[in-house]
Amino acid sequence: MRELGAGRTEVRQSPANGNARESEGAMMRVLSLAWVGTRTTEYAATLAFFTDVLGLGVHSLETDFAVLEVPDGATVEVFGPASPYNAHLTHPVAGFLVADLEEAVAELQAAGVEIVLDPQDGGTRSWVHFRAPDGFVYELVEDRSA
């Protein structure tokens, strides 16, 4: 990436994989979008929208918490106001699949990125929440089920 002036930047595409990269630095490779989570005060209406309008399948339901399935294997989690899970989320969050979470976390830390939620282990999946320069929280996830 290089500054072009007047607040504009140029991002070069890597011909090998198409991911935007600077010529030095980051080695992390995002494989896909794997997870989206959202906290809402309108839990029932949001859940109904995702299932009835968008057609997402229900994987599991708890009080004020739902895990929904996307056909490609990604998941959508909806957190209602009483859900104790991910209480630090205040906006929709995207989770990016990476091949090696431990290495990815080391790269985030080396870049001075704030880790909001330390790496968590959920059986076949592990994840970490971090704050990007825009001030929002995002997630990196490793899926070991394959």
C-alpha atoms as a PDB file:
ATOM      1  CA  MET A   1       0.000   0.000   0.000  1.00  0.00           C
ATOM      2  CA  ARG A   2       1.315   3.466  -0.739  1.00  0.00           C
ATOM      3  CA  GLU A   3       0.051   6.971  -0.128  1.00  0.00           C
ATOM      4  CA  LEU A   4      -1.197   8.775  -3.234  1.00  0.00           C
ATOM      5  CA  GLY A   5      -1.942  12.066  -1.482  1.00  0.00           C
ATOM      6  CA  ALA A   6      -5.251  13.716  -0.632  1.00  0.00           C
ATOM      7  CA  GLY A   7      -6.066  10.856   1.771  1.00  0.00           C
ATOM      8  CA  ARG A   8      -5.955   8.200  -0.973  1.00  0.00           C
ATOM      9  CA  THR A   9      -3.904   5.008  -0.936  1.00  0.00           C
ATOM     10  CA  GLU A  10      -3.078   2.399  -3.543  1.00  0.00           C
ATOM     11  CA  VAL A  11      -3.394  -1.269  -2.603  1.00  0.00           C
ATOM     12  CA  ARG A  12      -1.499  -3.711  -4.764  1.00  0.00           C
ATOM     13  CA  GLN A  13      -2.876  -7.177  -5.386  1.00  0.00           C
ATOM     14  CA  SER A  14      -0.601 -10.150  -4.945  1.00  0.00           C
ATOM     15  CA  PRO A  15      -0.692 -12.113  -8.191  1.00  0.00           C
ATOM     16  CA  ALA A  16      -0.190 -15.418  -6.364  1.00  0.00           C
ATOM     17  CA  ASN A  17      -3.354 -15.392  -4.279  1.00  0.00           C
ATOM     18  CA  GLY A  18      -5.211 -12.167  -5.017  1.00  0.00           C
ATOM     19  CA  ASN A  19      -5.044 -10.984  -1.411  1.00  0.00           C
ATOM     20  CA  ALA A  20      -4.134  -7.359  -0.816  1.00  0.00           C
ATOM     21  CA  ARG A  21      -0.619  -7.305   0.646  1.00  0.00           C
ATOM     22  CA  GLU A  22       2.128  -4.898   1.336  1.00  0.00           C
ATOM     23  CA  SER A  23       5.446  -5.966  -0.107  1.00  0.00           C
ATOM     24  CA  GLU A  24       6.781  -6.542   3.427  1.00  0.00           C
ATOM     25  CA  GLY A  25       5.205  -7.674   6.662  1.00  0.00           C
ATOM     26  CA  ALA A  26       1.997  -9.680   6.958  1.00  0.00           C
ATOM     27  CA  MET A  27       2.098 -13.360   6.131  1.00  0.00           C
ATOM     28  CA  MET A  28      -1.362 -14.188   7.461  1.00  0.00           C
ATOM     29  CA  ARG A  29      -3.716 -15.513   4.807  1.00  0.00           C
ATOM     30  CA  VAL A  30      -7.453 -15.247   5.325  1.00  0.00           C
ATOM     31  CA  LEU A  31      -9.128 -18.298   3.775  1.00  0.00           C
ATOM     32  CA  SER A  32     -12.783 -17.277   3.960  1.00  0.00           C
ATOM     33  CA  LEU A  33     -15.460 -15.564   5.984  1.00  0.00           C
ATOM     34  CA  ALA A  34     -16.382 -18.167   8.613  1.00  0.00           C
ATOM     35  CA  TRP A  35     -18.524 -16.454  11.243  1.00  0.00           C
ATOM     36  CA  VAL A  36     -20.729 -13.438  11.832  1.00  0.00           C
ATOM     37  CA  GLY A  37     -21.980 -12.501  15.270  1.00  0.00           C
ATOM     38  CA  THR A  38     -24.363  -9.759  16.275  1.00  0.00           C
ATOM     39  CA  ARG A  39     -25.705  -8.523  19.608  1.00  0.00           C
ATOM     40  CA  THR A  40     -29.191  -7.033  19.472  1.00  0.00           C
ATOM     41  CA  THR A  41     -31.963  -5.783  21.719  1.00  0.00           C
ATOM     42  CA  GLU A  42     -34.370  -7.156  19.077  1.00  0.00           C
ATOM     43  CA  TYR A  43     -33.373 -10.787  19.525  1.00  0.00           C
ATOM     44  CA  ALA A  44     -36.662 -12.484  18.517  1.00  0.00           C
ATOM     45  CA  ALA A  45     -37.191 -10.294  15.450  1.00  0.00           C
ATOM     46  CA  THR A  46     -33.556 -10.690  14.342  1.00  0.00           C
ATOM     47  CA  LEU A  47     -33.679 -14.463  14.791  1.00  0.00           C
ATOM     48  CA  ALA A  48     -36.947 -14.640  12.818  1.00  0.00           C
ATOM     49  CA  PHE A  49     -35.449 -12.496  10.044  1.00  0.00           C
ATOM     50  CA  PHE A  50     -32.362 -14.689   9.709  1.00  0.00           C
ATOM     51  CA  THR A  51     -34.364 -17.941   9.716  1.00  0.00           C
ATOM     52  CA  ASP A  52     -37.629 -16.970   7.982  1.00  0.00           C
ATOM     53  CA  VAL A  53     -36.403 -14.383   5.480  1.00  0.00           C
ATOM     54  CA  LEU A  54     -32.778 -15.362   4.854  1.00  0.00           C
ATOM     55  CA  GLY A  55     -33.471 -19.084   5.267  1.00  0.00           C
ATOM     56  CA  LEU A  56     -30.601 -19.874   7.647  1.00  0.00           C
ATOM     57  CA  GLY A  57     -30.866 -23.183   9.484  1.00  0.00           C
ATOM     58  CA  VAL A  58     -30.875 -23.416  13.273  1.00  0.00           C
ATOM     59  CA  HIS A  59     -27.956 -25.316  14.760  1.00  0.00           C
ATOM     60  CA  SER A  60     -28.757 -24.599  18.413  1.00  0.00           C
ATOM     61  CA  LEU A  61     -30.888 -22.311  20.560  1.00  0.00           C
ATOM     62  CA  GLU A  62     -30.547 -21.101  24.146  1.00  0.00           C
ATOM     63  CA  THR A  63     -32.201 -18.232  25.973  1.00  0.00           C
ATOM     64  CA  ASP A  64     -31.156 -15.092  24.062  1.00  0.00           C
ATOM     65  CA  PHE A  65     -28.572 -16.982  22.015  1.00  0.00           C
ATOM     66  CA  ALA A  66     -28.795 -18.770  18.673  1.00  0.00           C
ATOM     67  CA  VAL A  67     -26.272 -20.454  16.399  1.00  0.00           C
ATOM     68  CA  LEU A  68     -27.427 -20.473  12.783  1.00  0.00           C
ATOM     69  CA  GLU A  69     -26.014 -22.393   9.832  1.00  0.00           C
ATOM     70  CA  VAL A  70     -25.032 -21.037   6.431  1.00  0.00           C
ATOM     71  CA  PRO A  71     -24.923 -23.665   3.646  1.00  0.00           C
ATOM     72  CA  ASP A  72     -21.183 -23.111   3.014  1.00  0.00           C
ATOM     73  CA  GLY A  73     -20.354 -24.092   6.606  1.00  0.00           C
ATOM     74  CA  ALA A  74     -20.130 -20.594   8.072  1.00  0.00           C
ATOM     75  CA  THR A  75     -22.148 -19.760  11.174  1.00  0.00           C
ATOM     76  CA  VAL A  76     -24.138 -16.753  12.329  1.00  0.00           C
ATOM     77  CA  GLU A  77     -24.588 -16.209  16.063  1.00  0.00           C
ATOM     78  CA  VAL A  78     -27.262 -13.916  17.466  1.00  0.00           C
ATOM     79  CA  PHE A  79     -26.807 -12.626  21.024  1.00  0.00           C
ATOM     80  CA  GLY A  80     -29.805 -11.132  22.820  1.00  0.00           C
ATOM     81  CA  PRO A  81     -29.503  -8.676  25.692  1.00  0.00           C
ATOM     82  CA  ALA A  82     -29.496 -11.401  28.382  1.00  0.00           C
ATOM     83  CA  SER A  83     -26.891 -13.587  26.653  1.00  0.00           C
ATOM     84  CA  PRO A  84     -23.694 -13.912  28.709  1.00  0.00           C
ATOM     85  CA  TYR A  85     -21.690 -14.776  25.581  1.00  0.00           C
ATOM     86  CA  ASN A  86     -19.519 -12.143  23.914  1.00  0.00           C
ATOM     87  CA  ALA A  87     -20.857  -9.327  26.086  1.00  0.00           C
ATOM     88  CA  HIS A  88     -18.077  -7.106  24.684  1.00  0.00           C
ATOM     89  CA  LEU A  89     -19.720  -7.075  21.241  1.00  0.00           C
ATOM     90  CA  THR A  90     -21.658  -3.903  20.475  1.00  0.00           C
ATOM     91  CA  HIS A  91     -21.983  -4.264  16.683  1.00  0.00           C
ATOM     92  CA  PRO A  92     -21.985  -7.024  14.038  1.00  0.00           C
ATOM     93  CA  VAL A  93     -18.630  -8.812  13.933  1.00  0.00           C
ATOM     94  CA  ALA A  94     -17.082 -10.747  11.046  1.00  0.00           C
ATOM     95  CA  GLY A  95     -14.911 -13.788  11.704  1.00  0.00           C
ATOM     96  CA  PHE A  96     -12.184 -14.640   9.216  1.00  0.00           C
ATOM     97  CA  LEU A  97     -10.957 -18.219   8.803  1.00  0.00           C
ATOM     98  CA  VAL A  98      -7.175 -18.677   9.027  1.00  0.00           C
ATOM     99  CA  ALA A  99      -5.078 -21.827   8.704  1.00  0.00           C
ATOM    100  CA  ASP A 100      -3.160 -21.411  11.987  1.00  0.00           C
ATOM    101  CA  LEU A 101      -4.689 -19.310  14.759  1.00  0.00           C
ATOM    102  CA  GLU A 102      -1.593 -19.368  16.975  1.00  0.00           C
ATOM    103  CA  GLU A 103       0.560 -17.926  14.184  1.00  0.00           C
ATOM    104  CA  ALA A 104      -2.127 -15.392  13.286  1.00  0.00           C
ATOM    105  CA  VAL A 105      -2.362 -14.184  16.905  1.00  0.00           C
ATOM    106  CA  ALA A 106       1.428 -13.824  17.022  1.00  0.00           C
ATOM    107  CA  GLU A 107       1.243 -11.639  13.901  1.00  0.00           C
ATOM    108  CA  LEU A 108      -1.506  -9.503  15.429  1.00  0.00           C
ATOM    109  CA  GLN A 109       0.535  -9.048  18.598  1.00  0.00           C
ATOM    110  CA  ALA A 110       3.697  -8.227  16.622  1.00  0.00           C
ATOM    111  CA  ALA A 111       1.696  -5.549  14.798  1.00  0.00           C
ATOM    112  CA  GLY A 112       0.580  -4.048  18.137  1.00  0.00           C
ATOM    113  CA  VAL A 113      -3.076  -5.032  17.627  1.00  0.00           C
ATOM    114  CA  GLU A 114      -5.267  -5.054  20.760  1.00  0.00           C
ATOM    115  CA  ILE A 115      -6.534  -8.538  21.635  1.00  0.00           C
ATOM    116  CA  VAL A 116     -10.026  -8.055  23.098  1.00  0.00           C
ATOM    117  CA  LEU A 117     -10.783 -11.720  23.842  1.00  0.00           C
ATOM    118  CA  ASP A 118      -7.865 -14.123  24.287  1.00  0.00           C
ATOM    119  CA  PRO A 119      -7.869 -17.254  22.108  1.00  0.00           C
ATOM    120  CA  GLN A 120     -10.777 -19.541  22.987  1.00  0.00           C
ATOM    121  CA  ASP A 121     -11.052 -23.269  22.273  1.00  0.00           C
ATOM    122  CA  GLY A 122     -14.408 -24.684  21.236  1.00  0.00           C
ATOM    123  CA  GLY A 123     -13.465 -28.229  20.304  1.00  0.00           C
ATOM    124  CA  THR A 124     -12.925 -28.234  16.552  1.00  0.00           C
ATOM    125  CA  ARG A 125     -12.796 -24.421  16.385  1.00  0.00           C
ATOM    126  CA  SER A 126     -10.633 -21.852  18.124  1.00  0.00           C
ATOM    127  CA  TRP A 127     -11.022 -18.083  17.866  1.00  0.00           C
ATOM    128  CA  VAL A 128      -9.732 -14.736  19.044  1.00  0.00           C
ATOM    129  CA  HIS A 129     -11.325 -11.273  19.023  1.00  0.00           C
ATOM    130  CA  PHE A 130      -9.229  -8.220  18.196  1.00  0.00           C
ATOM    131  CA  ARG A 131      -9.752  -4.507  17.650  1.00  0.00           C
ATOM    132  CA  ALA A 132      -8.897  -3.206  14.183  1.00  0.00           C
ATOM    133  CA  PRO A 133      -7.790   0.362  13.422  1.00  0.00           C
ATOM    134  CA  ASP A 134     -11.432   1.331  12.752  1.00  0.00           C
ATOM    135  CA  GLY A 135     -12.124   0.707  16.450  1.00  0.00           C
ATOM    136  CA  PHE A 136     -14.377  -2.284  15.773  1.00  0.00           C
ATOM    137  CA  VAL A 137     -13.916  -5.846  16.982  1.00  0.00           C
ATOM    138  CA  TYR A 138     -13.265  -8.643  14.478  1.00  0.00           C
ATOM    139  CA  GLU A 139     -12.503 -12.328  14.852  1.00  0.00           C
ATOM    140  CA  LEU A 140      -9.971 -14.796  13.504  1.00  0.00           C
ATOM    141  CA  VAL A 141     -11.027 -18.452  13.642  1.00  0.00           C
ATOM    142  CA  GLU A 142      -9.276 -21.759  12.995  1.00  0.00           C
ATOM    143  CA  ASP A 143     -11.420 -24.774  12.064  1.00  0.00           C
ATOM    144  CA  ARG A 144      -9.801 -28.141  12.780  1.00  0.00           C
ATOM    145  CA  SER A 145     -12.811 -30.285  11.788  1.00  0.00           C
ATOM    146  CA  ALA A 146     -11.555 -31.114   8.293  1.00  0.00           C
END
